[in-house]
Amino acid sequence: MEITFLGTSSGVPTRNRNVSSVAVKLTQRSEVWLLDCGEATQHQILRSEVRLSQITKIFITHLHGDHIFGIPGLLATCGLAGTVQHIDLYGPPGLGGFVDACLKYSETKLNYSIAVHRVKPGLVTEDREFAVFCAPLKHRVPAYGYRIVEKDRPGTFDLEKAKALGIPPGPLYGKLKQGETITLPDGRTFVGKDFVGPPKPGKKVVYCTDTIYCDSAVELAKQADVLIHEATFAHQDADMAYQRLHSTSTMAAQVALGAQVKKLVMTHFSPRYAPGNAILLEDLLQEARMIFPETYLAQDLLTLEV
């Protein structure tokens, strides 16, 4: 997977940061999933290596404007591009009504199909290679975090062993790699597991915003390769975090520590920590690293390989 941050500001855009959106590219099948879609997300996509034509799913955490106002414009542009076949949208109650109203009153006609799915805790969607789960977060409106899980991949196929045994190359190798049993014309039978190494663990990416510290975020993020977690406020502004049900840098780090993730990337920063102010984002980074050393700051258009 490849993660591109399209927006990392909370509430409003700034000169250097757009509002919330993250693109997750499934590199093995050239498909892109969006996590949130704040206003001007499509502008950010144009500045990145992400391709509109590859977007197939959009996962919305909650219905505050800085996470959804980009949906109508992006859907309309995808329609004009003429290369999109279908997009699934997932989110809390009300998402379908919002999308329907925007399309209706702007008289926007899409030349492709969309489907809006109301999420509930647990499995959201699944195919042969990936599964997505969600869990409730703690915010002023219904909000969910998402966990994208790449399923374990088959181990390395022992090509030399197959050749040495005289198994002809081609479709039979594919069957063996999938664990199937094959029989050759001479009557010999081979079992796939004898030619394949241990399964390769799939990657796990977790996205939690907007929320104050909560146990469900820790549980959702267990053993993740990357946890993307909001850090709207500095530790010294914890009172505002509690009032507005957002996280501080130290709360994000505590979630990462409790979940034993490999890497924490903080995002959704308040504009109050812009250059020239008393507290800077580098201060939030140092606060978090005191608790969880493998912490990093997201910035717009940053791309990470997972």
C-alpha atoms as a PDB file:
ATOM      1  CA  MET A   1       0.000   0.000   0.000  1.00  0.00           C
ATOM      2  CA  GLU A   2       0.982   3.607  -0.566  1.00  0.00           C
ATOM      3  CA  ILE A   3      -0.409   6.458   1.557  1.00  0.00           C
ATOM      4  CA  THR A   4      -0.669  10.049   0.304  1.00  0.00           C
ATOM      5  CA  PHE A   5      -1.836  12.815   2.640  1.00  0.00           C
ATOM      6  CA  LEU A   6      -4.078  15.173   0.678  1.00  0.00           C
ATOM      7  CA  GLY A   7      -5.087  17.355   3.625  1.00  0.00           C
ATOM      8  CA  THR A   8      -3.775  17.615   7.197  1.00  0.00           C
ATOM      9  CA  SER A   9      -5.436  20.704   8.710  1.00  0.00           C
ATOM     10  CA  SER A  10      -8.386  20.678  11.103  1.00  0.00           C
ATOM     11  CA  GLY A  11     -11.491  22.773  10.568  1.00  0.00           C
ATOM     12  CA  VAL A  12     -10.247  25.122   7.872  1.00  0.00           C
ATOM     13  CA  PRO A  13      -7.544  25.061   5.215  1.00  0.00           C
ATOM     14  CA  THR A  14      -4.380  27.089   5.653  1.00  0.00           C
ATOM     15  CA  ARG A  15      -1.836  28.342   3.128  1.00  0.00           C
ATOM     16  CA  ASN A  16       0.141  25.118   3.495  1.00  0.00           C
ATOM     17  CA  ARG A  17      -2.463  22.571   4.551  1.00  0.00           C
ATOM     18  CA  ASN A  18      -5.802  21.520   3.126  1.00  0.00           C
ATOM     19  CA  VAL A  19      -8.536  19.915   5.228  1.00  0.00           C
ATOM     20  CA  SER A  20      -8.790  16.191   5.841  1.00  0.00           C
ATOM     21  CA  SER A  21      -8.268  13.542   3.204  1.00  0.00           C
ATOM     22  CA  VAL A  22      -5.917  10.598   2.816  1.00  0.00           C
ATOM     23  CA  ALA A  23      -5.469   8.471  -0.308  1.00  0.00           C
ATOM     24  CA  VAL A  24      -4.519   4.819   0.071  1.00  0.00           C
ATOM     25  CA  LYS A  25      -3.284   3.268  -3.162  1.00  0.00           C
ATOM     26  CA  LEU A  26      -3.507  -0.495  -3.473  1.00  0.00           C
ATOM     27  CA  THR A  27      -0.442  -0.725  -5.646  1.00  0.00           C
ATOM     28  CA  GLN A  28      -0.878  -4.336  -6.723  1.00  0.00           C
ATOM     29  CA  ARG A  29      -4.144  -3.523  -8.487  1.00  0.00           C
ATOM     30  CA  SER A  30      -3.877   0.217  -9.277  1.00  0.00           C
ATOM     31  CA  GLU A  31      -6.845   1.128  -7.125  1.00  0.00           C
ATOM     32  CA  VAL A  32      -7.248   4.120  -4.767  1.00  0.00           C
ATOM     33  CA  TRP A  33      -9.375   4.392  -1.625  1.00  0.00           C
ATOM     34  CA  LEU A  34      -9.982   7.765   0.021  1.00  0.00           C
ATOM     35  CA  LEU A  35     -10.263   8.281   3.764  1.00  0.00           C
ATOM     36  CA  ASP A  36     -12.385  11.438   4.180  1.00  0.00           C
ATOM     37  CA  CYS A  37     -12.864  14.021   1.454  1.00  0.00           C
ATOM     38  CA  GLY A  38     -12.655  17.599   2.693  1.00  0.00           C
ATOM     39  CA  GLU A  39     -13.162  20.582   0.396  1.00  0.00           C
ATOM     40  CA  ALA A  40     -10.667  20.922  -2.469  1.00  0.00           C
ATOM     41  CA  THR A  41      -9.568  17.302  -2.195  1.00  0.00           C
ATOM     42  CA  GLN A  42      -9.728  17.059  -5.985  1.00  0.00           C
ATOM     43  CA  HIS A  43      -7.341  20.034  -6.244  1.00  0.00           C
ATOM     44  CA  GLN A  44      -4.888  18.210  -3.990  1.00  0.00           C
ATOM     45  CA  ILE A  45      -5.202  15.092  -6.120  1.00  0.00           C
ATOM     46  CA  LEU A  46      -4.168  17.130  -9.159  1.00  0.00           C
ATOM     47  CA  ARG A  47      -1.013  18.147  -7.292  1.00  0.00           C
ATOM     48  CA  SER A  48      -0.196  14.545  -6.355  1.00  0.00           C
ATOM     49  CA  GLU A  49       0.534  11.255  -8.105  1.00  0.00           C
ATOM     50  CA  VAL A  50      -2.960  10.004  -7.234  1.00  0.00           C
ATOM     51  CA  ARG A  51      -5.252   9.425 -10.224  1.00  0.00           C
ATOM     52  CA  LEU A  52      -8.956  10.275 -10.058  1.00  0.00           C
ATOM     53  CA  SER A  53      -9.748   7.422 -12.430  1.00  0.00           C
ATOM     54  CA  GLN A  54      -8.466   4.881  -9.882  1.00  0.00           C
ATOM     55  CA  ILE A  55     -10.756   5.928  -7.007  1.00  0.00           C
ATOM     56  CA  THR A  56     -13.227   3.149  -6.212  1.00  0.00           C
ATOM     57  CA  LYS A  57     -14.092   3.677  -2.531  1.00  0.00           C
ATOM     58  CA  ILE A  58     -14.458   6.641  -0.148  1.00  0.00           C
ATOM     59  CA  PHE A  59     -14.609   6.058   3.612  1.00  0.00           C
ATOM     60  CA  ILE A  60     -16.011   8.949   5.674  1.00  0.00           C
ATOM     61  CA  THR A  61     -15.314   9.170   9.404  1.00  0.00           C
ATOM     62  CA  HIS A  62     -18.063  11.678  10.272  1.00  0.00           C
ATOM     63  CA  LEU A  63     -20.212  14.401   8.737  1.00  0.00           C
ATOM     64  CA  HIS A  64     -18.428  17.581   9.760  1.00  0.00           C
ATOM     65  CA  GLY A  65     -17.830  19.793   6.748  1.00  0.00           C
ATOM     66  CA  ASP A  66     -14.047  19.654   6.760  1.00  0.00           C
ATOM     67  CA  HIS A  67     -14.336  15.921   6.093  1.00  0.00           C
ATOM     68  CA  ILE A  68     -17.131  15.821   3.480  1.00  0.00           C
ATOM     69  CA  PHE A  69     -17.396  19.107   1.557  1.00  0.00           C
ATOM     70  CA  GLY A  70     -15.098  17.776  -1.166  1.00  0.00           C
ATOM     71  CA  ILE A  71     -17.355  14.859  -2.087  1.00  0.00           C
ATOM     72  CA  PRO A  72     -19.752  16.598  -4.536  1.00  0.00           C
ATOM     73  CA  GLY A  73     -17.014  18.252  -6.563  1.00  0.00           C
ATOM     74  CA  LEU A  74     -14.917  15.112  -6.710  1.00  0.00           C
ATOM     75  CA  LEU A  75     -17.870  12.962  -7.829  1.00  0.00           C
ATOM     76  CA  ALA A  76     -18.782  15.495 -10.507  1.00  0.00           C
ATOM     77  CA  THR A  77     -15.213  15.689 -11.812  1.00  0.00           C
ATOM     78  CA  CYS A  78     -14.968  11.899 -11.933  1.00  0.00           C
ATOM     79  CA  GLY A  79     -18.067  11.941 -14.102  1.00  0.00           C
ATOM     80  CA  LEU A  80     -16.629  14.495 -16.512  1.00  0.00           C
ATOM     81  CA  ALA A  81     -13.420  12.482 -16.758  1.00  0.00           C
ATOM     82  CA  GLY A  82     -15.448   9.589 -18.137  1.00  0.00           C
ATOM     83  CA  THR A  83     -13.081   6.920 -16.840  1.00  0.00           C
ATOM     84  CA  VAL A  84     -14.855   5.925 -13.595  1.00  0.00           C
ATOM     85  CA  GLN A  85     -17.252   2.957 -13.574  1.00  0.00           C
ATOM     86  CA  HIS A  86     -18.454   2.856  -9.969  1.00  0.00           C
ATOM     87  CA  ILE A  87     -17.659   4.394  -6.561  1.00  0.00           C
ATOM     88  CA  ASP A  88     -18.741   3.059  -3.159  1.00  0.00           C
ATOM     89  CA  LEU A  89     -19.077   5.518  -0.281  1.00  0.00           C
ATOM     90  CA  TYR A  90     -19.107   4.371   3.347  1.00  0.00           C
ATOM     91  CA  GLY A  91     -19.957   6.438   6.407  1.00  0.00           C
ATOM     92  CA  PRO A  92     -22.301   7.294   9.284  1.00  0.00           C
ATOM     93  CA  PRO A  93     -26.062   7.884   8.986  1.00  0.00           C
ATOM     94  CA  GLY A  94     -26.837  10.942   6.894  1.00  0.00           C
ATOM     95  CA  LEU A  95     -24.053  10.521   4.342  1.00  0.00           C
ATOM     96  CA  GLY A  96     -26.467   9.306   1.676  1.00  0.00           C
ATOM     97  CA  GLY A  97     -28.822  12.232   2.280  1.00  0.00           C
ATOM     98  CA  PHE A  98     -25.946  14.704   1.985  1.00  0.00           C
ATOM     99  CA  VAL A  99     -24.721  13.228  -1.286  1.00  0.00           C
ATOM    100  CA  ASP A 100     -28.231  12.985  -2.744  1.00  0.00           C
ATOM    101  CA  ALA A 101     -29.040  16.595  -1.855  1.00  0.00           C
ATOM    102  CA  CYS A 102     -25.809  17.945  -3.348  1.00  0.00           C
ATOM    103  CA  LEU A 103     -26.349  16.095  -6.608  1.00  0.00           C
ATOM    104  CA  LYS A 104     -30.050  16.966  -6.755  1.00  0.00           C
ATOM    105  CA  TYR A 105     -29.870  20.717  -6.134  1.00  0.00           C
ATOM    106  CA  SER A 106     -26.785  21.206  -8.297  1.00  0.00           C
ATOM    107  CA  GLU A 107     -28.516  19.165 -11.019  1.00  0.00           C
ATOM    108  CA  THR A 108     -25.425  17.008 -11.323  1.00  0.00           C
ATOM    109  CA  LYS A 109     -25.884  13.879 -13.408  1.00  0.00           C
ATOM    110  CA  LEU A 110     -23.257  11.177 -12.999  1.00  0.00           C
ATOM    111  CA  ASN A 111     -22.489   8.878 -15.920  1.00  0.00           C
ATOM    112  CA  TYR A 112     -21.349   6.146 -13.553  1.00  0.00           C
ATOM    113  CA  SER A 113     -22.958   4.413 -10.576  1.00  0.00           C
ATOM    114  CA  ILE A 114     -22.448   5.150  -6.886  1.00  0.00           C
ATOM    115  CA  ALA A 115     -23.606   3.329  -3.772  1.00  0.00           C
ATOM    116  CA  VAL A 116     -23.720   4.756  -0.246  1.00  0.00           C
ATOM    117  CA  HIS A 117     -23.306   2.294   2.626  1.00  0.00           C
ATOM    118  CA  ARG A 118     -24.149   3.049   6.252  1.00  0.00           C
ATOM    119  CA  VAL A 119     -21.406   1.613   8.443  1.00  0.00           C
ATOM    120  CA  LYS A 120     -21.668  -0.048  11.809  1.00  0.00           C
ATOM    121  CA  PRO A 121     -18.931  -1.429  14.067  1.00  0.00           C
ATOM    122  CA  GLY A 122     -17.205  -4.480  12.634  1.00  0.00           C
ATOM    123  CA  LEU A 123     -16.597  -5.567   9.062  1.00  0.00           C
ATOM    124  CA  VAL A 124     -17.367  -2.844   6.508  1.00  0.00           C
ATOM    125  CA  THR A 125     -16.329  -4.459   3.223  1.00  0.00           C
ATOM    126  CA  GLU A 126     -14.177  -7.381   2.086  1.00  0.00           C
ATOM    127  CA  ASP A 127     -12.766  -8.980  -1.034  1.00  0.00           C
ATOM    128  CA  ARG A 128     -10.139 -11.645  -1.738  1.00  0.00           C
ATOM    129  CA  GLU A 129      -7.210  -9.369  -0.892  1.00  0.00           C
ATOM    130  CA  PHE A 130      -8.458  -6.752   1.588  1.00  0.00           C
ATOM    131  CA  ALA A 131     -10.876  -6.279   4.460  1.00  0.00           C
ATOM    132  CA  VAL A 132     -11.973  -3.000   6.067  1.00  0.00           C
ATOM    133  CA  PHE A 133     -13.262  -2.739   9.619  1.00  0.00           C
ATOM    134  CA  CYS A 134     -14.556   0.232  11.586  1.00  0.00           C
ATOM    135  CA  ALA A 135     -15.079   1.144  15.243  1.00  0.00           C
ATOM    136  CA  PRO A 136     -16.857   4.057  16.933  1.00  0.00           C
ATOM    137  CA  LEU A 137     -14.740   6.968  18.084  1.00  0.00           C
ATOM    138  CA  LYS A 138     -15.588   9.648  20.654  1.00  0.00           C
ATOM    139  CA  HIS A 139     -16.548  12.956  19.067  1.00  0.00           C
ATOM    140  CA  ARG A 140     -19.409  15.485  19.097  1.00  0.00           C
ATOM    141  CA  VAL A 141     -21.219  13.624  16.298  1.00  0.00           C
ATOM    142  CA  PRO A 142     -21.207   9.928  15.334  1.00  0.00           C
ATOM    143  CA  ALA A 143     -17.683   9.156  14.125  1.00  0.00           C
ATOM    144  CA  TYR A 144     -15.819   6.019  13.089  1.00  0.00           C
ATOM    145  CA  GLY A 145     -12.217   4.978  12.675  1.00  0.00           C
ATOM    146  CA  TYR A 146     -11.223   2.595   9.880  1.00  0.00           C
ATOM    147  CA  ARG A 147      -8.806  -0.311   9.719  1.00  0.00           C
ATOM    148  CA  ILE A 148      -7.638  -1.473   6.283  1.00  0.00           C
ATOM    149  CA  VAL A 149      -6.221  -4.997   6.391  1.00  0.00           C
ATOM    150  CA  GLU A 150      -4.321  -6.617   3.572  1.00  0.00           C
ATOM    151  CA  LYS A 151      -4.857 -10.360   3.828  1.00  0.00           C
ATOM    152  CA  ASP A 152      -1.825 -12.613   4.176  1.00  0.00           C
ATOM    153  CA  ARG A 153      -0.236 -13.356   0.810  1.00  0.00           C
ATOM    154  CA  PRO A 154       1.056 -16.752  -0.361  1.00  0.00           C
ATOM    155  CA  GLY A 155       4.678 -17.490   0.421  1.00  0.00           C
ATOM    156  CA  THR A 156       7.438 -17.646  -2.150  1.00  0.00           C
ATOM    157  CA  PHE A 157       7.046 -20.383  -4.748  1.00  0.00           C
ATOM    158  CA  ASP A 158      10.025 -22.755  -4.970  1.00  0.00           C
ATOM    159  CA  LEU A 159      10.564 -22.602  -8.702  1.00  0.00           C
ATOM    160  CA  GLU A 160      13.779 -24.614  -8.697  1.00  0.00           C
ATOM    161  CA  LYS A 161      12.165 -27.501  -6.815  1.00  0.00           C
ATOM    162  CA  ALA A 162       9.299 -27.635  -9.311  1.00  0.00           C
ATOM    163  CA  LYS A 163      11.724 -27.663 -12.233  1.00  0.00           C
ATOM    164  CA  ALA A 164      13.871 -30.373 -10.652  1.00  0.00           C
ATOM    165  CA  LEU A 165      10.835 -32.618 -10.284  1.00  0.00           C
ATOM    166  CA  GLY A 166       9.972 -32.179 -13.938  1.00  0.00           C
ATOM    167  CA  ILE A 167       6.748 -30.264 -13.434  1.00  0.00           C
ATOM    168  CA  PRO A 168       6.088 -28.359 -16.662  1.00  0.00           C
ATOM    169  CA  PRO A 169       5.929 -24.566 -16.238  1.00  0.00           C
ATOM    170  CA  GLY A 170       2.684 -22.689 -16.847  1.00  0.00           C
ATOM    171  CA  PRO A 171      -0.760 -22.999 -15.236  1.00  0.00           C
ATOM    172  CA  LEU A 172       0.338 -25.894 -13.008  1.00  0.00           C
ATOM    173  CA  TYR A 173       2.771 -23.602 -11.199  1.00  0.00           C
ATOM    174  CA  GLY A 174      -0.065 -21.200 -10.489  1.00  0.00           C
ATOM    175  CA  LYS A 175      -2.190 -23.987  -9.034  1.00  0.00           C
ATOM    176  CA  LEU A 176       0.634 -25.153  -6.798  1.00  0.00           C
ATOM    177  CA  LYS A 177       1.231 -21.613  -5.562  1.00  0.00           C
ATOM    178  CA  GLN A 178      -2.444 -21.400  -4.593  1.00  0.00           C
ATOM    179  CA  GLY A 179      -2.050 -24.565  -2.526  1.00  0.00           C
ATOM    180  CA  GLU A 180      -3.877 -26.866  -4.887  1.00  0.00           C
ATOM    181  CA  THR A 181      -3.008 -30.506  -5.596  1.00  0.00           C
ATOM    182  CA  ILE A 182      -2.054 -31.400  -9.173  1.00  0.00           C
ATOM    183  CA  THR A 183      -1.635 -34.678 -11.041  1.00  0.00           C
ATOM    184  CA  LEU A 184       0.733 -35.035 -13.990  1.00  0.00           C
ATOM    185  CA  PRO A 185       0.044 -37.212 -17.047  1.00  0.00           C
ATOM    186  CA  ASP A 186       2.545 -39.767 -15.701  1.00  0.00           C
ATOM    187  CA  GLY A 187       0.393 -40.202 -12.566  1.00  0.00           C
ATOM    188  CA  ARG A 188       2.575 -38.351 -10.116  1.00  0.00           C
ATOM    189  CA  THR A 189       0.698 -36.133  -7.650  1.00  0.00           C
ATOM    190  CA  PHE A 190       2.049 -32.993  -5.961  1.00  0.00           C
ATOM    191  CA  VAL A 191       0.610 -30.905  -3.137  1.00  0.00           C
ATOM    192  CA  GLY A 192       0.929 -27.138  -3.360  1.00  0.00           C
ATOM    193  CA  LYS A 193       1.976 -26.569   0.257  1.00  0.00           C
ATOM    194  CA  ASP A 194       5.174 -28.537  -0.423  1.00  0.00           C
ATOM    195  CA  PHE A 195       6.313 -25.864  -2.899  1.00  0.00           C
ATOM    196  CA  VAL A 196       5.337 -22.654  -1.091  1.00  0.00           C
ATOM    197  CA  GLY A 197       7.069 -20.956   1.839  1.00  0.00           C
ATOM    198  CA  PRO A 198       5.326 -19.452   4.878  1.00  0.00           C
ATOM    199  CA  PRO A 199       2.578 -16.887   4.144  1.00  0.00           C
ATOM    200  CA  LYS A 200       3.675 -13.247   3.971  1.00  0.00           C
ATOM    201  CA  PRO A 201       1.771 -11.146   6.561  1.00  0.00           C
ATOM    202  CA  GLY A 202      -0.439  -8.465   5.031  1.00  0.00           C
ATOM    203  CA  LYS A 203      -0.103  -4.799   5.950  1.00  0.00           C
ATOM    204  CA  LYS A 204      -2.494  -2.956   8.270  1.00  0.00           C
ATOM    205  CA  VAL A 205      -3.326   0.770   8.118  1.00  0.00           C
ATOM    206  CA  VAL A 206      -5.586   2.467  10.686  1.00  0.00           C
ATOM    207  CA  TYR A 207      -7.174   5.928  10.454  1.00  0.00           C
ATOM    208  CA  CYS A 208      -8.655   7.634  13.530  1.00  0.00           C
ATOM    209  CA  THR A 209     -10.097  11.167  13.351  1.00  0.00           C
ATOM    210  CA  ASP A 210     -11.957  13.065  14.831  1.00  0.00           C
ATOM    211  CA  THR A 211     -11.818  11.782  18.388  1.00  0.00           C
ATOM    212  CA  ILE A 212     -10.534  12.270  21.864  1.00  0.00           C
ATOM    213  CA  TYR A 213      -8.549   9.386  23.366  1.00  0.00           C
ATOM    214  CA  CYS A 214     -10.771   6.281  23.576  1.00  0.00           C
ATOM    215  CA  ASP A 215     -10.258   2.569  24.134  1.00  0.00           C
ATOM    216  CA  SER A 216     -11.970   1.643  20.878  1.00  0.00           C
ATOM    217  CA  ALA A 217      -9.251   3.487  18.938  1.00  0.00           C
ATOM    218  CA  VAL A 218      -6.597   1.445  20.761  1.00  0.00           C
ATOM    219  CA  GLU A 219      -8.396  -1.788  19.964  1.00  0.00           C
ATOM    220  CA  LEU A 220      -8.912  -0.840  16.312  1.00  0.00           C
ATOM    221  CA  ALA A 221      -5.216   0.018  15.908  1.00  0.00           C
ATOM    222  CA  LYS A 222      -3.787  -3.167  17.460  1.00  0.00           C
ATOM    223  CA  GLN A 223      -0.511  -4.207  15.780  1.00  0.00           C
ATOM    224  CA  ALA A 224      -1.023  -1.829  12.841  1.00  0.00           C
ATOM    225  CA  ASP A 225       1.883  -1.062  10.553  1.00  0.00           C
ATOM    226  CA  VAL A 226       0.781   2.567  10.363  1.00  0.00           C
ATOM    227  CA  LEU A 227      -1.627   4.439  12.620  1.00  0.00           C
ATOM    228  CA  ILE A 228      -2.838   7.774  11.247  1.00  0.00           C
ATOM    229  CA  HIS A 229      -4.286   9.610  14.254  1.00  0.00           C
ATOM    230  CA  GLU A 230      -5.471  13.130  14.765  1.00  0.00           C
ATOM    231  CA  ALA A 231      -3.454  15.457  17.007  1.00  0.00           C
ATOM    232  CA  THR A 232      -5.472  18.644  16.851  1.00  0.00           C
ATOM    233  CA  PHE A 233      -3.992  20.180  19.998  1.00  0.00           C
ATOM    234  CA  ALA A 234      -0.755  20.397  21.957  1.00  0.00           C
ATOM    235  CA  HIS A 235      -0.632  18.808  25.394  1.00  0.00           C
ATOM    236  CA  GLN A 236      -0.888  22.160  27.162  1.00  0.00           C
ATOM    237  CA  ASP A 237      -4.167  22.817  25.325  1.00  0.00           C
ATOM    238  CA  ALA A 238      -5.769  19.643  26.691  1.00  0.00           C
ATOM    239  CA  ASP A 239      -8.692  21.619  28.131  1.00  0.00           C
ATOM    240  CA  MET A 240      -9.750  22.610  24.613  1.00  0.00           C
ATOM    241  CA  ALA A 241      -9.287  19.020  23.476  1.00  0.00           C
ATOM    242  CA  TYR A 242     -11.689  17.783  26.145  1.00  0.00           C
ATOM    243  CA  GLN A 243     -14.203  20.540  25.397  1.00  0.00           C
ATOM    244  CA  ARG A 244     -14.204  19.845  21.656  1.00  0.00           C
ATOM    245  CA  LEU A 245     -13.589  16.081  21.849  1.00  0.00           C
ATOM    246  CA  HIS A 246     -10.342  16.147  19.903  1.00  0.00           C
ATOM    247  CA  SER A 247      -6.971  14.581  20.696  1.00  0.00           C
ATOM    248  CA  THR A 248      -3.744  16.125  21.870  1.00  0.00           C
ATOM    249  CA  SER A 249      -0.366  14.970  20.611  1.00  0.00           C
ATOM    250  CA  THR A 250       0.121  12.943  23.784  1.00  0.00           C
ATOM    251  CA  MET A 251      -3.265  11.257  23.443  1.00  0.00           C
ATOM    252  CA  ALA A 252      -2.370  10.136  19.912  1.00  0.00           C
ATOM    253  CA  ALA A 253       0.924   8.765  21.223  1.00  0.00           C
ATOM    254  CA  GLN A 254      -0.854   6.910  24.017  1.00  0.00           C
ATOM    255  CA  VAL A 255      -3.127   5.218  21.480  1.00  0.00           C
ATOM    256  CA  ALA A 256      -0.087   4.167  19.441  1.00  0.00           C
ATOM    257  CA  LEU A 257       1.710   2.873  22.518  1.00  0.00           C
ATOM    258  CA  GLY A 258      -1.285   0.941  23.803  1.00  0.00           C
ATOM    259  CA  ALA A 259      -1.959  -0.576  20.378  1.00  0.00           C
ATOM    260  CA  GLN A 260       1.724  -1.488  19.839  1.00  0.00           C
ATOM    261  CA  VAL A 261       1.742  -0.083  16.317  1.00  0.00           C
ATOM    262  CA  LYS A 262       4.917   0.176  14.262  1.00  0.00           C
ATOM    263  CA  LYS A 263       4.533   3.818  13.239  1.00  0.00           C
ATOM    264  CA  LEU A 264       2.330   6.752  14.258  1.00  0.00           C
ATOM    265  CA  VAL A 265       1.649   9.587  11.813  1.00  0.00           C
ATOM    266  CA  MET A 266      -0.141  12.550  13.380  1.00  0.00           C
ATOM    267  CA  THR A 267      -2.498  14.727  11.334  1.00  0.00           C
ATOM    268  CA  HIS A 268      -5.515  17.096  11.628  1.00  0.00           C
ATOM    269  CA  PHE A 269      -3.532  19.933  13.203  1.00  0.00           C
ATOM    270  CA  SER A 270      -5.132  23.113  14.497  1.00  0.00           C
ATOM    271  CA  PRO A 271      -4.087  26.193  12.470  1.00  0.00           C
ATOM    272  CA  ARG A 272      -3.088  27.813  15.774  1.00  0.00           C
ATOM    273  CA  TYR A 273       0.286  26.049  15.581  1.00  0.00           C
ATOM    274  CA  ALA A 274       1.391  27.830  12.408  1.00  0.00           C
ATOM    275  CA  PRO A 275       4.862  29.421  12.147  1.00  0.00           C
ATOM    276  CA  GLY A 276       5.175  32.580  14.223  1.00  0.00           C
ATOM    277  CA  ASN A 277       3.026  31.317  17.082  1.00  0.00           C
ATOM    278  CA  ALA A 278       4.255  30.350  20.532  1.00  0.00           C
ATOM    279  CA  ILE A 279       3.721  26.633  19.948  1.00  0.00           C
ATOM    280  CA  LEU A 280       4.766  24.938  16.712  1.00  0.00           C
ATOM    281  CA  LEU A 281       4.000  21.530  15.252  1.00  0.00           C
ATOM    282  CA  GLU A 282       7.553  20.477  16.039  1.00  0.00           C
ATOM    283  CA  ASP A 283       6.623  20.919  19.703  1.00  0.00           C
ATOM    284  CA  LEU A 284       3.687  18.537  19.250  1.00  0.00           C
ATOM    285  CA  LEU A 285       6.059  16.066  17.630  1.00  0.00           C
ATOM    286  CA  GLN A 286       8.464  16.183  20.566  1.00  0.00           C
ATOM    287  CA  GLU A 287       5.607  15.749  23.040  1.00  0.00           C
ATOM    288  CA  ALA A 288       4.419  12.619  21.241  1.00  0.00           C
ATOM    289  CA  ARG A 289       7.908  11.170  20.847  1.00  0.00           C
ATOM    290  CA  MET A 290       8.416  11.314  24.603  1.00  0.00           C
ATOM    291  CA  ILE A 291       5.717   8.622  24.768  1.00  0.00           C
ATOM    292  CA  PHE A 292       6.029   6.899  21.386  1.00  0.00           C
ATOM    293  CA  PRO A 293       9.367   7.473  19.597  1.00  0.00           C
ATOM    294  CA  GLU A 294       8.223   6.261  16.159  1.00  0.00           C
ATOM    295  CA  THR A 295       5.997   9.303  15.660  1.00  0.00           C
ATOM    296  CA  TYR A 296       5.956  11.525  12.584  1.00  0.00           C
ATOM    297  CA  LEU A 297       4.130  14.638  11.386  1.00  0.00           C
ATOM    298  CA  ALA A 298       1.950  14.396   8.298  1.00  0.00           C
ATOM    299  CA  GLN A 299       2.183  17.154   5.739  1.00  0.00           C
ATOM    300  CA  ASP A 300       0.181  17.736   2.598  1.00  0.00           C
ATOM    301  CA  LEU A 301       1.290  15.588  -0.350  1.00  0.00           C
ATOM    302  CA  LEU A 302       3.570  13.445   1.825  1.00  0.00           C
ATOM    303  CA  THR A 303       3.632   9.871   0.473  1.00  0.00           C
ATOM    304  CA  LEU A 304       4.535   6.824   2.562  1.00  0.00           C
ATOM    305  CA  GLU A 305       5.129   3.235   1.467  1.00  0.00           C
ATOM    306  CA  VAL A 306       3.631   0.632   3.794  1.00  0.00           C
END
